[in-house]
Amino acid sequence: PEDSGAGGFFFTSHDHEQLIHRTKPGYDNATPSGNGVAA
């Protein structure tokens, strides 16, 4: 809980193939962000 990186949703699931970097999209693009809509 004290970790500033806690919370939010990854773009890929935990059982997805391993990636170099798993993003947490927060800002909107042409469509609203997955984190915004999920929350």
PDB file of all heavy atoms in Angstrom:
ATOM      1  N   PRO A   1       0.801  -1.226   0.000  1.00  0.00           N
ATOM      2  CA  PRO A   1       0.000   0.000   0.000  1.00  0.00           C
ATOM      3  C   PRO A   1       0.833   1.274   0.000  1.00  0.00           C
ATOM      4  O   PRO A   1       0.370   2.312  -0.435  1.00  0.00           O
ATOM      5  CB  PRO A   1      -0.840  -0.127   1.282  1.00  0.00           C
ATOM      6  CG  PRO A   1      -0.097  -1.113   2.135  1.00  0.00           C
ATOM      7  CD  PRO A   1       0.581  -2.046   1.195  1.00  0.00           C
ATOM      8  N   GLU A   2       2.087   1.223   0.495  1.00  0.00           N
ATOM      9  CA  GLU A   2       2.915   2.426   0.495  1.00  0.00           C
ATOM     10  C   GLU A   2       3.647   2.615  -0.824  1.00  0.00           C
ATOM     11  O   GLU A   2       4.271   3.647  -1.069  1.00  0.00           O
ATOM     12  CB  GLU A   2       3.956   2.365   1.634  1.00  0.00           C
ATOM     13  CG  GLU A   2       3.361   2.486   3.034  1.00  0.00           C
ATOM     14  CD  GLU A   2       2.811   1.152   3.533  1.00  0.00           C
ATOM     15  OE1 GLU A   2       3.200   0.117   2.970  1.00  0.00           O
ATOM     16  OE2 GLU A   2       1.989   1.172   4.460  1.00  0.00           O
ATOM     17  N   ASP A   3       3.585   1.629  -1.686  1.00  0.00           N
ATOM     18  CA  ASP A   3       4.296   1.685  -2.956  1.00  0.00           C
ATOM     19  C   ASP A   3       3.501   2.543  -3.931  1.00  0.00           C
ATOM     20  O   ASP A   3       2.328   2.292  -4.188  1.00  0.00           O
ATOM     21  CB  ASP A   3       4.450   0.272  -3.526  1.00  0.00           C
ATOM     22  CG  ASP A   3       5.412   0.228  -4.706  1.00  0.00           C
ATOM     23  OD1 ASP A   3       5.419   1.187  -5.488  1.00  0.00           O
ATOM     24  OD2 ASP A   3       6.156  -0.765  -4.821  1.00  0.00           O
ATOM     25  N   SER A   4       4.141   3.585  -4.490  1.00  0.00           N
ATOM     26  CA  SER A   4       3.440   4.500  -5.388  1.00  0.00           C
ATOM     27  C   SER A   4       3.015   3.815  -6.671  1.00  0.00           C
ATOM     28  O   SER A   4       2.201   4.344  -7.424  1.00  0.00           O
ATOM     29  CB  SER A   4       4.339   5.699  -5.719  1.00  0.00           C
ATOM     30  OG  SER A   4       5.525   5.261  -6.359  1.00  0.00           O
ATOM     31  N   GLY A   5       3.554   2.629  -6.955  1.00  0.00           N
ATOM     32  CA  GLY A   5       3.180   1.925  -8.158  1.00  0.00           C
ATOM     33  C   GLY A   5       1.990   1.003  -7.981  1.00  0.00           C
ATOM     34  O   GLY A   5       1.559   0.364  -8.938  1.00  0.00           O
ATOM     35  N   ALA A   6       1.453   0.902  -6.768  1.00  0.00           N
ATOM     36  CA  ALA A   6       0.323   0.014  -6.527  1.00  0.00           C
ATOM     37  C   ALA A   6      -0.929   0.566  -7.179  1.00  0.00           C
ATOM     38  O   ALA A   6      -1.097   1.762  -7.356  1.00  0.00           O
ATOM     39  CB  ALA A   6       0.103  -0.156  -5.026  1.00  0.00           C
ATOM     40  N   GLY A   7      -1.836  -0.354  -7.505  1.00  0.00           N
ATOM     41  CA  GLY A   7      -3.117   0.052  -8.054  1.00  0.00           C
ATOM     42  C   GLY A   7      -3.093   0.156  -9.565  1.00  0.00           C
ATOM     43  O   GLY A   7      -2.053   0.070 -10.215  1.00  0.00           O
ATOM     44  N   GLY A   8      -4.278   0.330 -10.146  1.00  0.00           N
ATOM     45  CA  GLY A   8      -4.397   0.420 -11.588  1.00  0.00           C
ATOM     46  C   GLY A   8      -4.423  -0.950 -12.236  1.00  0.00           C
ATOM     47  O   GLY A   8      -4.210  -1.988 -11.590  1.00  0.00           O
ATOM     48  N   PHE A   9      -4.673  -0.949 -13.525  1.00  0.00           N
ATOM     49  CA  PHE A   9      -4.845  -2.182 -14.279  1.00  0.00           C
ATOM     50  C   PHE A   9      -3.866  -2.230 -15.448  1.00  0.00           C
ATOM     51  O   PHE A   9      -3.717  -1.252 -16.182  1.00  0.00           O
ATOM     52  CB  PHE A   9      -6.278  -2.278 -14.812  1.00  0.00           C
ATOM     53  CG  PHE A   9      -7.321  -2.314 -13.727  1.00  0.00           C
ATOM     54  CD1 PHE A   9      -7.857  -1.140 -13.221  1.00  0.00           C
ATOM     55  CD2 PHE A   9      -7.746  -3.524 -13.193  1.00  0.00           C
ATOM     56  CE1 PHE A   9      -8.809  -1.160 -12.223  1.00  0.00           C
ATOM     57  CE2 PHE A   9      -8.700  -3.561 -12.185  1.00  0.00           C
ATOM     58  CZ  PHE A   9      -9.226  -2.377 -11.698  1.00  0.00           C
ATOM     59  N   PHE A  10      -3.212  -3.375 -15.591  1.00  0.00           N
ATOM     60  CA  PHE A  10      -2.335  -3.578 -16.737  1.00  0.00           C
ATOM     61  C   PHE A  10      -3.178  -3.763 -18.004  1.00  0.00           C
ATOM     62  O   PHE A  10      -4.318  -4.234 -17.953  1.00  0.00           O
ATOM     63  CB  PHE A  10      -1.468  -4.819 -16.532  1.00  0.00           C
ATOM     64  CG  PHE A  10      -0.432  -4.679 -15.454  1.00  0.00           C
ATOM     65  CD1 PHE A  10      -0.560  -5.367 -14.255  1.00  0.00           C
ATOM     66  CD2 PHE A  10       0.681  -3.864 -15.641  1.00  0.00           C
ATOM     67  CE1 PHE A  10       0.393  -5.245 -13.259  1.00  0.00           C
ATOM     68  CE2 PHE A  10       1.647  -3.747 -14.652  1.00  0.00           C
ATOM     69  CZ  PHE A  10       1.503  -4.429 -13.457  1.00  0.00           C
ATOM     70  N   PHE A  11      -2.593  -3.411 -19.134  1.00  0.00           N
ATOM     71  CA  PHE A  11      -3.287  -3.593 -20.409  1.00  0.00           C
ATOM     72  C   PHE A  11      -3.414  -5.069 -20.761  1.00  0.00           C
ATOM     73  O   PHE A  11      -4.387  -5.479 -21.398  1.00  0.00           O
ATOM     74  CB  PHE A  11      -2.545  -2.853 -21.525  1.00  0.00           C
ATOM     75  CG  PHE A  11      -3.230  -2.924 -22.858  1.00  0.00           C
ATOM     76  CD1 PHE A  11      -4.465  -2.325 -23.058  1.00  0.00           C
ATOM     77  CD2 PHE A  11      -2.645  -3.602 -23.916  1.00  0.00           C
ATOM     78  CE1 PHE A  11      -5.116  -2.406 -24.286  1.00  0.00           C
ATOM     79  CE2 PHE A  11      -3.277  -3.684 -25.151  1.00  0.00           C
ATOM     80  CZ  PHE A  11      -4.510  -3.077 -25.329  1.00  0.00           C
ATOM     81  N   THR A  12      -2.458  -5.879 -20.326  1.00  0.00           N
ATOM     82  CA  THR A  12      -2.508  -7.319 -20.575  1.00  0.00           C
ATOM     83  C   THR A  12      -2.763  -8.056 -19.261  1.00  0.00           C
ATOM     84  O   THR A  12      -2.414  -7.581 -18.183  1.00  0.00           O
ATOM     85  CB  THR A  12      -1.191  -7.827 -21.193  1.00  0.00           C
ATOM     86  OG1 THR A  12      -0.098  -7.476 -20.333  1.00  0.00           O
ATOM     87  CG2 THR A  12      -0.980  -7.225 -22.571  1.00  0.00           C
ATOM     88  N   SER A  13      -3.347  -9.237 -19.361  1.00  0.00           N
ATOM     89  CA  SER A  13      -3.671 -10.026 -18.177  1.00  0.00           C
ATOM     90  C   SER A  13      -2.417 -10.669 -17.597  1.00  0.00           C
ATOM     91  O   SER A  13      -1.380 -10.768 -18.255  1.00  0.00           O
ATOM     92  CB  SER A  13      -4.701 -11.103 -18.528  1.00  0.00           C
ATOM     93  OG  SER A  13      -4.197 -11.955 -19.533  1.00  0.00           O
ATOM     94  N   HIS A  14      -2.530 -11.137 -16.367  1.00  0.00           N
ATOM     95  CA  HIS A  14      -1.386 -11.745 -15.690  1.00  0.00           C
ATOM     96  C   HIS A  14      -0.923 -13.024 -16.376  1.00  0.00           C
ATOM     97  O   HIS A  14       0.249 -13.405 -16.248  1.00  0.00           O
ATOM     98  CB  HIS A  14      -1.752 -12.054 -14.228  1.00  0.00           C
ATOM     99  CG  HIS A  14      -2.140 -10.843 -13.438  1.00  0.00           C
ATOM    100  ND1 HIS A  14      -1.528  -9.614 -13.588  1.00  0.00           N
ATOM    101  CD2 HIS A  14      -3.096 -10.677 -12.474  1.00  0.00           C
ATOM    102  CE1 HIS A  14      -2.084  -8.743 -12.747  1.00  0.00           C
ATOM    103  NE2 HIS A  14      -3.034  -9.359 -12.069  1.00  0.00           N
ATOM    104  N   ASP A  15      -1.829 -13.693 -17.092  1.00  0.00           N
ATOM    105  CA  ASP A  15      -1.448 -14.927 -17.768  1.00  0.00           C
ATOM    106  C   ASP A  15      -1.143 -14.707 -19.253  1.00  0.00           C
ATOM    107  O   ASP A  15      -1.085 -15.659 -20.028  1.00  0.00           O
ATOM    108  CB  ASP A  15      -2.537 -15.995 -17.608  1.00  0.00           C
ATOM    109  CG  ASP A  15      -3.879 -15.548 -18.178  1.00  0.00           C
ATOM    110  OD1 ASP A  15      -4.033 -14.364 -18.511  1.00  0.00           O
ATOM    111  OD2 ASP A  15      -4.787 -16.396 -18.281  1.00  0.00           O
ATOM    112  N   HIS A  16      -0.951 -13.457 -19.637  1.00  0.00           N
ATOM    113  CA  HIS A  16      -0.580 -13.147 -21.018  1.00  0.00           C
ATOM    114  C   HIS A  16       0.876 -13.557 -21.256  1.00  0.00           C
ATOM    115  O   HIS A  16       1.637 -13.771 -20.302  1.00  0.00           O
ATOM    116  CB  HIS A  16      -0.752 -11.645 -21.274  1.00  0.00           C
ATOM    117  CG  HIS A  16      -0.792 -11.255 -22.722  1.00  0.00           C
ATOM    118  ND1 HIS A  16      -1.940 -11.312 -23.468  1.00  0.00           N
ATOM    119  CD2 HIS A  16       0.178 -10.799 -23.561  1.00  0.00           C
ATOM    120  CE1 HIS A  16      -1.689 -10.911 -24.699  1.00  0.00           C
ATOM    121  NE2 HIS A  16      -0.410 -10.593 -24.783  1.00  0.00           N
ATOM    122  N   GLU A  17       1.251 -13.679 -22.522  1.00  0.00           N
ATOM    123  CA  GLU A  17       2.648 -13.972 -22.817  1.00  0.00           C
ATOM    124  C   GLU A  17       3.546 -12.881 -22.231  1.00  0.00           C
ATOM    125  O   GLU A  17       3.164 -11.713 -22.140  1.00  0.00           O
ATOM    126  CB  GLU A  17       2.868 -14.058 -24.325  1.00  0.00           C
ATOM    127  CG  GLU A  17       2.607 -12.761 -25.075  1.00  0.00           C
ATOM    128  CD  GLU A  17       2.802 -12.914 -26.570  1.00  0.00           C
ATOM    129  OE1 GLU A  17       3.969 -12.945 -26.990  1.00  0.00           O
ATOM    130  OE2 GLU A  17       1.795 -12.990 -27.293  1.00  0.00           O
ATOM    131  N   GLN A  18       4.730 -13.252 -21.800  1.00  0.00           N
ATOM    132  CA  GLN A  18       5.635 -12.322 -21.139  1.00  0.00           C
ATOM    133  C   GLN A  18       6.092 -11.236 -22.107  1.00  0.00           C
ATOM    134  O   GLN A  18       6.508 -11.517 -23.229  1.00  0.00           O
ATOM    135  CB  GLN A  18       6.850 -13.062 -20.580  1.00  0.00           C
ATOM    136  CG  GLN A  18       7.733 -12.194 -19.712  1.00  0.00           C
ATOM    137  CD  GLN A  18       8.816 -12.997 -19.016  1.00  0.00           C
ATOM    138  OE1 GLN A  18       8.856 -14.212 -19.125  1.00  0.00           O
ATOM    139  NE2 GLN A  18       9.693 -12.320 -18.296  1.00  0.00           N
ATOM    140  N   LEU A  19       6.000 -10.003 -21.653  1.00  0.00           N
ATOM    141  CA  LEU A  19       6.393  -8.850 -22.457  1.00  0.00           C
ATOM    142  C   LEU A  19       7.575  -8.142 -21.807  1.00  0.00           C
ATOM    143  O   LEU A  19       7.813  -8.275 -20.597  1.00  0.00           O
ATOM    144  CB  LEU A  19       5.215  -7.867 -22.592  1.00  0.00           C
ATOM    145  CG  LEU A  19       3.926  -8.429 -23.204  1.00  0.00           C
ATOM    146  CD1 LEU A  19       2.821  -7.384 -23.143  1.00  0.00           C
ATOM    147  CD2 LEU A  19       4.161  -8.877 -24.638  1.00  0.00           C
ATOM    148  N   ILE A  20       8.286  -7.364 -22.602  1.00  0.00           N
ATOM    149  CA  ILE A  20       9.394  -6.574 -22.052  1.00  0.00           C
ATOM    150  C   ILE A  20       8.861  -5.563 -21.050  1.00  0.00           C
ATOM    151  O   ILE A  20       9.471  -5.326 -19.997  1.00  0.00           O
ATOM    152  CB  ILE A  20      10.163  -5.865 -23.184  1.00  0.00           C
ATOM    153  CG1 ILE A  20      10.815  -6.900 -24.101  1.00  0.00           C
ATOM    154  CG2 ILE A  20      11.211  -4.922 -22.615  1.00  0.00           C
ATOM    155  CD1 ILE A  20      11.475  -6.301 -25.318  1.00  0.00           C
ATOM    156  N   HIS A  21       7.713  -4.988 -21.360  1.00  0.00           N
ATOM    157  CA  HIS A  21       7.127  -3.990 -20.459  1.00  0.00           C
ATOM    158  C   HIS A  21       5.612  -4.095 -20.529  1.00  0.00           C
ATOM    159  O   HIS A  21       5.036  -4.146 -21.616  1.00  0.00           O
ATOM    160  CB  HIS A  21       7.572  -2.581 -20.877  1.00  0.00           C
ATOM    161  CG  HIS A  21       6.936  -1.485 -20.067  1.00  0.00           C
ATOM    162  ND1 HIS A  21       7.109  -1.374 -18.706  1.00  0.00           N
ATOM    163  CD2 HIS A  21       6.120  -0.455 -20.437  1.00  0.00           C
ATOM    164  CE1 HIS A  21       6.441  -0.322 -18.266  1.00  0.00           C
ATOM    165  NE2 HIS A  21       5.834   0.247 -19.289  1.00  0.00           N
ATOM    166  N   ARG A  22       4.957  -4.164 -19.368  1.00  0.00           N
ATOM    167  CA  ARG A  22       3.493  -4.185 -19.300  1.00  0.00           C
ATOM    168  C   ARG A  22       2.995  -2.793 -18.956  1.00  0.00           C
ATOM    169  O   ARG A  22       3.322  -2.249 -17.896  1.00  0.00           O
ATOM    170  CB  ARG A  22       3.007  -5.181 -18.248  1.00  0.00           C
ATOM    171  CG  ARG A  22       3.276  -6.632 -18.590  1.00  0.00           C
ATOM    172  CD  ARG A  22       2.818  -7.532 -17.453  1.00  0.00           C
ATOM    173  NE  ARG A  22       1.357  -7.568 -17.348  1.00  0.00           N
ATOM    174  CZ  ARG A  22       0.706  -8.033 -16.282  1.00  0.00           C
ATOM    175  NH1 ARG A  22       1.374  -8.440 -15.220  1.00  0.00           N
ATOM    176  NH2 ARG A  22      -0.612  -8.065 -16.269  1.00  0.00           N
ATOM    177  N   THR A  23       2.204  -2.228 -19.843  1.00  0.00           N
ATOM    178  CA  THR A  23       1.750  -0.857 -19.645  1.00  0.00           C
ATOM    179  C   THR A  23       0.480  -0.815 -18.794  1.00  0.00           C
ATOM    180  O   THR A  23      -0.276  -1.791 -18.715  1.00  0.00           O
ATOM    181  CB  THR A  23       1.465  -0.182 -20.992  1.00  0.00           C
ATOM    182  OG1 THR A  23       0.437  -0.925 -21.672  1.00  0.00           O
ATOM    183  CG2 THR A  23       2.724  -0.133 -21.846  1.00  0.00           C
ATOM    184  N   LYS A  24       0.272   0.338 -18.166  1.00  0.00           N
ATOM    185  CA  LYS A  24      -0.980   0.657 -17.486  1.00  0.00           C
ATOM    186  C   LYS A  24      -1.510   1.940 -18.136  1.00  0.00           C
ATOM    187  O   LYS A  24      -1.200   3.042 -17.697  1.00  0.00           O
ATOM    188  CB  LYS A  24      -0.755   0.914 -15.995  1.00  0.00           C
ATOM    189  CG  LYS A  24      -0.395  -0.277 -15.151  1.00  0.00           C
ATOM    190  CD  LYS A  24      -0.293   0.181 -13.696  1.00  0.00           C
ATOM    191  CE  LYS A  24       0.290  -0.878 -12.798  1.00  0.00           C
ATOM    192  NZ  LYS A  24       0.471  -0.361 -11.404  1.00  0.00           N
ATOM    193  N   PRO A  25      -2.310   1.846 -19.172  1.00  0.00           N
ATOM    194  CA  PRO A  25      -2.753   3.043 -19.897  1.00  0.00           C
ATOM    195  C   PRO A  25      -3.721   3.882 -19.075  1.00  0.00           C
ATOM    196  O   PRO A  25      -4.776   3.405 -18.657  1.00  0.00           O
ATOM    197  CB  PRO A  25      -3.428   2.464 -21.146  1.00  0.00           C
ATOM    198  CG  PRO A  25      -3.865   1.089 -20.740  1.00  0.00           C
ATOM    199  CD  PRO A  25      -2.845   0.601 -19.762  1.00  0.00           C
ATOM    200  N   GLY A  26      -3.349   5.129 -18.834  1.00  0.00           N
ATOM    201  CA  GLY A  26      -4.192   6.004 -18.036  1.00  0.00           C
ATOM    202  C   GLY A  26      -4.780   7.154 -18.815  1.00  0.00           C
ATOM    203  O   GLY A  26      -5.896   7.593 -18.545  1.00  0.00           O
ATOM    204  N   TYR A  27      -4.052   7.666 -19.797  1.00  0.00           N
ATOM    205  CA  TYR A  27      -4.566   8.816 -20.540  1.00  0.00           C
ATOM    206  C   TYR A  27      -5.413   8.347 -21.717  1.00  0.00           C
ATOM    207  O   TYR A  27      -5.207   7.291 -22.292  1.00  0.00           O
ATOM    208  CB  TYR A  27      -3.425   9.718 -21.018  1.00  0.00           C
ATOM    209  CG  TYR A  27      -2.361   9.031 -21.836  1.00  0.00           C
ATOM    210  CD1 TYR A  27      -2.517   8.835 -23.206  1.00  0.00           C
ATOM    211  CD2 TYR A  27      -1.174   8.591 -21.235  1.00  0.00           C
ATOM    212  CE1 TYR A  27      -1.534   8.207 -23.949  1.00  0.00           C
ATOM    213  CE2 TYR A  27      -0.190   7.952 -21.982  1.00  0.00           C
ATOM    214  CZ  TYR A  27      -0.378   7.771 -23.332  1.00  0.00           C
ATOM    215  OH  TYR A  27       0.591   7.139 -24.075  1.00  0.00           O
ATOM    216  N   ASP A  28      -6.391   9.168 -22.075  1.00  0.00           N
ATOM    217  CA  ASP A  28      -7.301   8.837 -23.164  1.00  0.00           C
ATOM    218  C   ASP A  28      -6.643   9.099 -24.515  1.00  0.00           C
ATOM    219  O   ASP A  28      -5.852  10.043 -24.662  1.00  0.00           O
ATOM    220  CB  ASP A  28      -8.577   9.661 -23.065  1.00  0.00           C
ATOM    221  CG  ASP A  28      -9.418   9.295 -21.851  1.00  0.00           C
ATOM    222  OD1 ASP A  28      -9.016   8.394 -21.101  1.00  0.00           O
ATOM    223  OD2 ASP A  28     -10.472   9.921 -21.656  1.00  0.00           O
ATOM    224  N   ASN A  29      -6.995   8.270 -25.487  1.00  0.00           N
ATOM    225  CA  ASN A  29      -6.591   8.490 -26.869  1.00  0.00           C
ATOM    226  C   ASN A  29      -7.855   8.716 -27.690  1.00  0.00           C
ATOM    227  O   ASN A  29      -8.721   9.479 -27.283  1.00  0.00           O
ATOM    228  CB  ASN A  29      -5.780   7.296 -27.386  1.00  0.00           C
ATOM    229  CG  ASN A  29      -4.377   7.270 -26.799  1.00  0.00           C
ATOM    230  OD1 ASN A  29      -3.578   8.154 -27.060  1.00  0.00           O
ATOM    231  ND2 ASN A  29      -4.077   6.250 -26.005  1.00  0.00           N
ATOM    232  N   ALA A  30      -7.965   8.056 -28.843  1.00  0.00           N
ATOM    233  CA  ALA A  30      -9.192   8.157 -29.633  1.00  0.00           C
ATOM    234  C   ALA A  30     -10.374   7.561 -28.874  1.00  0.00           C
ATOM    235  O   ALA A  30     -11.524   7.940 -29.097  1.00  0.00           O
ATOM    236  CB  ALA A  30      -9.009   7.459 -30.973  1.00  0.00           C
ATOM    237  N   THR A  31     -10.097   6.620 -27.982  1.00  0.00           N
ATOM    238  CA  THR A  31     -11.107   6.058 -27.092  1.00  0.00           C
ATOM    239  C   THR A  31     -10.653   6.273 -25.654  1.00  0.00           C
ATOM    240  O   THR A  31      -9.472   6.505 -25.395  1.00  0.00           O
ATOM    241  CB  THR A  31     -11.303   4.549 -27.347  1.00  0.00           C
ATOM    242  OG1 THR A  31     -10.047   3.882 -27.193  1.00  0.00           O
ATOM    243  CG2 THR A  31     -11.850   4.304 -28.753  1.00  0.00           C
ATOM    244  N   PRO A  32     -11.566   6.235 -24.696  1.00  0.00           N
ATOM    245  CA  PRO A  32     -11.176   6.394 -23.295  1.00  0.00           C
ATOM    246  C   PRO A  32     -10.186   5.308 -22.871  1.00  0.00           C
ATOM    247  O   PRO A  32     -10.135   4.224 -23.445  1.00  0.00           O
ATOM    248  CB  PRO A  32     -12.497   6.255 -22.543  1.00  0.00           C
ATOM    249  CG  PRO A  32     -13.545   6.604 -23.537  1.00  0.00           C
ATOM    250  CD  PRO A  32     -13.028   6.117 -24.859  1.00  0.00           C
ATOM    251  N   SER A  33      -9.411   5.609 -21.856  1.00  0.00           N
ATOM    252  CA  SER A  33      -8.404   4.655 -21.379  1.00  0.00           C
ATOM    253  C   SER A  33      -9.064   3.473 -20.694  1.00  0.00           C
ATOM    254  O   SER A  33     -10.131   3.593 -20.074  1.00  0.00           O
ATOM    255  CB  SER A  33      -7.445   5.340 -20.406  1.00  0.00           C
ATOM    256  OG  SER A  33      -8.062   5.543 -19.149  1.00  0.00           O
ATOM    257  N   GLY A  34      -8.420   2.310 -20.803  1.00  0.00           N
ATOM    258  CA  GLY A  34      -8.933   1.136 -20.132  1.00  0.00           C
ATOM    259  C   GLY A  34      -9.007   1.311 -18.628  1.00  0.00           C
ATOM    260  O   GLY A  34      -9.950   0.848 -17.983  1.00  0.00           O
ATOM    261  N   ASN A  35      -8.018   1.990 -18.045  1.00  0.00           N
ATOM    262  CA  ASN A  35      -8.044   2.218 -16.602  1.00  0.00           C
ATOM    263  C   ASN A  35      -9.205   3.130 -16.214  1.00  0.00           C
ATOM    264  O   ASN A  35      -9.862   2.906 -15.195  1.00  0.00           O
ATOM    265  CB  ASN A  35      -6.714   2.811 -16.134  1.00  0.00           C
ATOM    266  CG  ASN A  35      -5.720   1.745 -15.719  1.00  0.00           C
ATOM    267  OD1 ASN A  35      -5.772   1.227 -14.620  1.00  0.00           O
ATOM    268  ND2 ASN A  35      -4.814   1.403 -16.630  1.00  0.00           N
ATOM    269  N   GLY A  36      -9.447   4.156 -17.024  1.00  0.00           N
ATOM    270  CA  GLY A  36     -10.544   5.062 -16.717  1.00  0.00           C
ATOM    271  C   GLY A  36     -11.894   4.371 -16.783  1.00  0.00           C
ATOM    272  O   GLY A  36     -12.734   4.511 -15.877  1.00  0.00           O
ATOM    273  N   VAL A  37     -12.122   3.600 -17.836  1.00  0.00           N
ATOM    274  CA  VAL A  37     -13.404   2.923 -18.001  1.00  0.00           C
ATOM    275  C   VAL A  37     -13.566   1.821 -16.955  1.00  0.00           C
ATOM    276  O   VAL A  37     -14.649   1.640 -16.389  1.00  0.00           O
ATOM    277  CB  VAL A  37     -13.535   2.356 -19.421  1.00  0.00           C
ATOM    278  CG1 VAL A  37     -14.818   1.552 -19.575  1.00  0.00           C
ATOM    279  CG2 VAL A  37     -13.512   3.488 -20.445  1.00  0.00           C
ATOM    280  N   ALA A  38     -12.501   1.072 -16.680  1.00  0.00           N
ATOM    281  CA  ALA A  38     -12.580   0.012 -15.677  1.00  0.00           C
ATOM    282  C   ALA A  38     -12.919   0.590 -14.307  1.00  0.00           C
ATOM    283  O   ALA A  38     -13.801   0.078 -13.601  1.00  0.00           O
ATOM    284  CB  ALA A  38     -11.269  -0.760 -15.612  1.00  0.00           C
ATOM    285  N   ALA A  39     -12.223   1.649 -13.922  1.00  0.00           N
ATOM    286  CA  ALA A  39     -12.460   2.247 -12.606  1.00  0.00           C
ATOM    287  C   ALA A  39     -13.854   2.851 -12.514  1.00  0.00           C
ATOM    288  O   ALA A  39     -14.535   2.735 -11.484  1.00  0.00           O
ATOM    289  CB  ALA A  39     -11.400   3.302 -12.315  1.00  0.00           C
TER     290      ALA A  39
END
